[in-house]
Protein backbone atom coordinates (compact mmCIF):
# COMPACT_ATOMS: atom_id res chain seq x y z
CA MET A 1 -7.28 -19.52 -7.33
CA PRO A 2 -8.66 -21.65 -4.52
CA ARG A 3 -8.87 -20.08 -1.07
CA ASP A 4 -6.57 -22.61 0.58
CA ARG A 5 -3.89 -22.11 -2.07
CA PHE A 6 -4.12 -18.34 -1.62
CA LYS A 7 -3.76 -18.67 2.16
CA GLU A 8 -0.72 -20.90 1.72
CA ILE A 9 0.98 -18.41 -0.59
CA ILE A 10 0.21 -15.45 1.68
CA LYS A 11 1.53 -17.36 4.68
CA TYR A 12 5.07 -17.44 3.27
CA LEU A 13 5.12 -14.31 1.12
CA ARG A 14 7.28 -11.53 2.60
CA PHE A 15 8.49 -8.26 1.12
CA ASP A 16 11.00 -7.16 3.74
CA VAL A 17 14.11 -8.30 5.60
CA ARG A 18 13.07 -9.29 9.11
CA SER A 19 16.39 -8.32 10.75
CA GLU A 20 16.07 -4.72 9.51
CA ARG A 21 12.36 -4.36 10.24
CA SER A 22 12.55 -2.87 13.74
CA THR A 23 14.84 0.01 12.68
CA ARG A 24 12.84 0.86 9.56
CA ILE A 25 9.41 0.69 11.18
CA ILE A 26 10.33 3.55 13.55
CA THR A 27 10.48 6.06 10.70
CA ASP A 28 8.33 4.36 8.04
CA LYS A 29 4.85 3.07 8.90
CA PHE A 30 4.77 1.14 5.64
CA ALA A 31 8.20 -0.43 6.19
CA LEU A 32 6.91 -3.94 5.57
CA ILE A 33 5.88 -3.14 2.00
CA SER A 34 7.69 0.14 1.24
CA GLN A 35 10.13 -1.37 -1.26
CA VAL A 36 7.31 -2.99 -3.26
CA ARG A 37 5.20 0.15 -2.97
CA ASN A 38 8.03 2.39 -4.20
CA SER A 39 8.74 0.08 -7.14
CA PHE A 40 5.04 0.08 -8.05
CA ILE A 41 4.88 3.90 -7.91
CA ASP A 42 8.05 4.24 -10.03
CA ASN A 43 6.61 1.86 -12.64
CA CYS A 44 3.31 3.75 -12.69
CA ILE A 45 5.10 7.06 -13.20
CA SER A 46 7.30 5.72 -15.98
CA CYS A 47 4.43 4.01 -17.85
CA TYR A 48 1.60 6.53 -17.55
CA LYS A 49 1.79 9.88 -19.31
CA PRO A 50 -1.38 11.90 -18.57
CA GLY A 51 -2.74 14.24 -21.22
CA GLU A 52 -4.11 17.72 -20.73
CA ASN A 53 -7.66 16.56 -19.88
CA VAL A 54 -7.36 14.58 -16.64
CA THR A 55 -10.03 14.22 -13.95
CA ILE A 56 -9.07 13.14 -10.45
CA ASP A 57 -11.66 11.82 -8.00
CA GLU A 58 -11.42 10.42 -4.50
CA GLN A 59 -13.66 8.25 -2.39
CA LEU A 60 -13.45 7.42 1.32
CA PHE A 61 -15.08 4.28 2.64
CA ALA A 62 -16.72 4.16 6.05
CA THR A 63 -14.90 1.85 8.46
CA LYS A 64 -14.64 1.22 12.19
CA VAL A 65 -10.89 0.51 12.03
CA ARG A 66 -8.60 2.99 13.76
CA CYS A 67 -6.61 4.99 11.26
CA PRO A 68 -3.19 6.55 12.07
CA PHE A 69 -3.87 9.62 9.91
CA ILE A 70 -6.61 12.23 9.90
CA GLN A 71 -9.48 11.72 7.50
CA TYR A 72 -12.61 13.80 6.96
CA MET A 73 -15.84 12.25 5.80
CA ALA A 74 -18.71 14.66 5.33
CA ASN A 75 -22.06 12.91 5.50
């Protein structure tokens, strides 16, 4: 997809109702995308059935952006 087309789509793509945004954002930091996020999580749970041998790994990326939650990165 060309960059300009992507920017045009993103410009008008919204996942929330603007009139309800201010009340929801007080209690939910992800209020702008929470409905899409919750639907995605529900679909992942319903489609994926892990077996008995599952490995979970995590990776944190270094960034200079302020983060609203605590994160620990051991060097």
